[in-house]
Structure formats: structure tokens, C-alpha cells
Protein backbone atom coordinates (compact mmCIF):
# COMPACT_ATOMS: atom_id res chain seq x y z
CA MET A 1 188.73 177.38 69.98
CA VAL A 2 185.96 176.06 72.46
CA ARG A 3 186.46 178.86 74.82
CA ILE A 4 185.76 181.37 71.72
CA TRP A 5 182.47 179.35 70.87
CA SER A 6 181.61 179.38 74.62
CA GLU A 7 181.53 183.39 74.66
CA ILE A 8 179.48 183.96 71.81
CA PRO A 9 176.12 184.77 72.75
CA HIS A 10 173.42 182.26 72.14
CA LYS A 11 171.41 184.23 69.66
CA TRP A 12 174.15 184.41 67.31
CA LYS A 13 175.08 180.62 67.82
CA GLY A 14 171.30 179.85 66.93
CA VAL A 15 171.59 182.19 63.86
CA PHE A 16 174.43 180.13 62.73
CA TYR A 17 172.54 176.82 63.16
CA GLY A 18 169.74 178.15 61.56
CA LEU A 19 171.98 179.25 58.56
CA ILE A 20 173.37 175.70 58.47
CA GLY A 21 169.89 174.02 58.48
CA GLY A 22 168.91 176.20 55.58
CA VAL A 23 171.83 176.04 53.43
CA LEU A 24 171.75 171.83 54.15
CA LEU A 25 168.21 171.95 52.88
CA LEU A 26 169.30 174.11 49.80
CA VAL A 27 171.94 171.53 49.06
CA VAL A 28 169.70 168.30 49.56
CA LEU A 29 166.41 169.17 48.25
CA PRO A 30 167.71 169.37 44.64
CA SER A 31 168.79 165.80 44.80
CA PHE A 32 165.29 164.55 45.63
CA TRP A 33 163.12 167.01 43.79
CA SER A 34 164.32 167.31 40.03
CA SER A 35 162.62 170.43 38.94
CA PRO A 36 163.99 173.98 38.29
CA TRP A 37 162.09 175.27 41.46
CA ALA A 38 164.25 172.94 43.63
CA THR A 39 167.15 175.59 43.98
CA LEU A 40 164.58 178.82 44.24
CA VAL A 41 162.21 177.23 46.99
CA PRO A 42 164.81 176.48 49.63
CA ILE A 43 165.89 180.08 49.45
CA ILE A 44 162.82 181.07 51.45
CA PRO A 45 163.47 178.75 54.37
CA VAL A 46 167.20 180.09 55.00
CA PRO A 47 166.27 183.36 56.23
CA PHE A 48 163.40 181.81 58.29
CA PHE A 49 165.60 178.96 59.86
CA ALA A 50 168.02 181.75 60.61
CA PHE A 51 165.44 183.86 62.44
CA LEU A 52 163.97 180.74 64.17
CA GLY A 53 167.52 179.91 65.27
CA PHE A 54 167.87 183.60 66.60
CA LEU A 55 164.53 183.24 68.67
CA PHE A 56 165.54 180.04 70.26
CA GLY A 57 169.17 181.44 70.93
CA ARG A 58 167.53 184.44 72.60
CA ALA A 59 165.34 182.21 74.70
CA ALA A 60 168.57 179.93 75.57
CA GLY A 61 170.52 183.14 76.43
CA ALA A 62 167.30 184.51 78.82
CA ARG A 63 167.19 181.22 80.41
CA ASP A 64 171.01 181.60 81.32
CA GLU A 65 170.61 185.13 82.48
CA LEU A 66 167.72 184.07 84.64
CA ASN A 67 169.77 180.82 86.06
CA ASP A 68 172.63 183.54 86.94
CA LEU A 69 170.35 186.02 88.90
CA MET A 70 169.06 183.05 90.96
CA ARG A 71 172.36 182.11 91.99
């Protein structure tokens, strides 16, 4: 399983981590905020977190590619 995970590009891992963060917010926020909006408002950050994770993953992938070129 670890070998499979290490072969996935960083940008897709970042999207996965961002989606996990957004879904966690979607689950946790209604327990702190008792409003009908508590289930609708976290839907907006889910794609934002996924996109942010994609950007961080792309940066990590670019860093790894530069390190490979330097060797």
C-alpha cells in the first residue's frame, strides 16, 4: 500500500488532503454552529481546500523534480 501511495503525484495527494479537510469541516461545523446554514456554508470551502491542496501538491512535485535535476 505504501508503494502505491508513493507513486501517486503530489498534486493528486494534495487534492485528496484538501477534500479530507473540507469534508472534516463539513462534519464538524454543524456541531458548533446550530443553524440551517451550518450544512450549506462548509460546502463552499470544500472545493477551495481541494484547489489549495492541488496547488501545494504541484509545488511539492516541482520541488522534487528540481531536486532530481540537481543530482
